[in-house]
Amino acid sequence: MAIFGELDTPEGVKANVSAIRQILDQAGRGDYTVKVYPNGSHNLMEVPPDNPNEQVRLKRFPPGFFETMVDWTATQLRRRAPARR
């Protein structure tokens, strides 16, 4: 799983996302997730849309952040769990 905030050097985010997908696809690994959160900063906190340079008011993670983490983790655990007899 790779997670980015779209406002964390946007060109760098695009380049990293592209490189991750290319490398994992070439390796035949389809079991990955790449998520870019709109209005997310480098620390993944949601930036106020009215002032993207404001760091003082950062109070929450982007909507869906924790749900994505839990869902991805649960999926990985189910895939790796030994078969029950």
Protein backbone atom coordinates (compact mmCIF):
# COMPACT_ATOMS: atom_id res chain seq x y z
CA MET A 1 0.00 0.00 0.00
CA ALA A 2 1.25 3.44 -0.93
CA ILE A 3 -0.53 6.53 0.37
CA PHE A 4 0.03 10.12 -0.74
CA GLY A 5 -1.51 13.53 -0.18
CA GLU A 6 -2.10 15.21 -3.53
CA LEU A 7 -0.60 18.49 -2.27
CA ASP A 8 2.74 16.92 -1.31
CA THR A 9 4.79 18.18 -4.23
CA PRO A 10 2.13 17.22 -6.81
CA GLU A 11 4.65 16.45 -9.56
CA GLY A 12 6.54 14.19 -7.16
CA VAL A 13 3.33 12.39 -6.21
CA LYS A 14 2.51 11.76 -9.87
CA ALA A 15 6.01 10.47 -10.55
CA ASN A 16 6.01 8.21 -7.48
CA VAL A 17 2.57 6.79 -8.22
CA SER A 18 3.56 6.08 -11.81
CA ALA A 19 6.84 4.42 -10.78
CA ILE A 20 5.19 2.26 -8.10
CA ARG A 21 2.51 1.04 -10.48
CA GLN A 22 4.99 0.36 -13.27
CA ILE A 23 7.39 -1.59 -11.06
CA LEU A 24 4.70 -3.68 -9.37
CA ASP A 25 2.88 -4.37 -12.64
CA GLN A 26 6.13 -5.47 -14.29
CA ALA A 27 6.78 -7.75 -11.32
CA GLY A 28 3.35 -9.32 -11.77
CA ARG A 29 2.12 -8.02 -8.45
CA GLY A 30 -1.52 -7.08 -8.72
CA ASP A 31 -2.15 -7.07 -4.99
CA TYR A 32 -1.22 -3.49 -4.30
CA THR A 33 -3.12 -0.31 -3.57
CA VAL A 34 -2.05 3.24 -4.37
CA LYS A 35 -4.20 5.99 -2.90
CA VAL A 36 -3.83 9.74 -3.37
CA TYR A 37 -5.97 11.84 -1.03
CA PRO A 38 -7.36 15.11 -2.38
CA ASN A 39 -6.38 18.12 -0.27
CA GLY A 40 -3.90 15.93 1.63
CA SER A 41 -0.54 17.35 2.64
CA HIS A 42 2.77 15.52 3.11
CA ASN A 43 1.72 14.40 6.59
CA LEU A 44 -1.63 13.30 5.12
CA MET A 45 -3.56 15.88 7.10
CA GLU A 46 -6.40 17.53 5.20
CA VAL A 47 -5.50 21.05 4.09
CA PRO A 48 -8.22 23.71 4.09
CA PRO A 49 -9.21 24.32 0.45
CA ASP A 50 -9.42 28.07 1.07
CA ASN A 51 -5.76 28.27 2.10
CA PRO A 52 -3.57 25.34 1.02
CA ASN A 53 -0.48 26.88 2.66
CA GLU A 54 -2.11 27.01 6.09
CA GLN A 55 -0.51 24.46 8.41
CA VAL A 56 -1.83 25.76 11.74
CA ARG A 57 -5.41 24.65 11.16
CA LEU A 58 -4.64 21.07 10.16
CA LYS A 59 -6.96 19.04 12.36
CA ARG A 60 -7.95 15.87 10.58
CA PHE A 61 -6.97 13.25 8.10
CA PRO A 62 -8.76 13.20 4.73
CA PRO A 63 -12.16 11.50 4.70
CA GLY A 64 -11.84 7.77 4.19
CA PHE A 65 -8.20 7.59 5.31
CA PHE A 66 -8.69 5.25 8.28
CA GLU A 67 -11.31 3.15 6.47
CA THR A 68 -8.84 2.60 3.63
CA MET A 69 -6.12 1.53 6.07
CA VAL A 70 -8.43 -0.89 7.93
CA ASP A 71 -9.91 -2.37 4.75
CA TRP A 72 -6.50 -2.88 3.16
CA THR A 73 -5.04 -4.44 6.31
CA ALA A 74 -8.02 -6.78 6.76
CA THR A 75 -7.80 -7.87 3.12
CA GLN A 76 -4.09 -8.62 3.47
CA LEU A 77 -4.68 -10.64 6.63
CA ARG A 78 -7.44 -12.69 4.99
CA ARG A 79 -5.22 -13.42 1.99
CA ARG A 80 -2.42 -14.66 4.20
CA ALA A 81 -4.46 -16.55 6.76
CA PRO A 82 -3.91 -20.30 6.74
CA ALA A 83 -6.87 -22.35 5.54
CA ARG A 84 -9.06 -23.60 8.37
CA ARG A 85 -9.80 -27.29 8.61
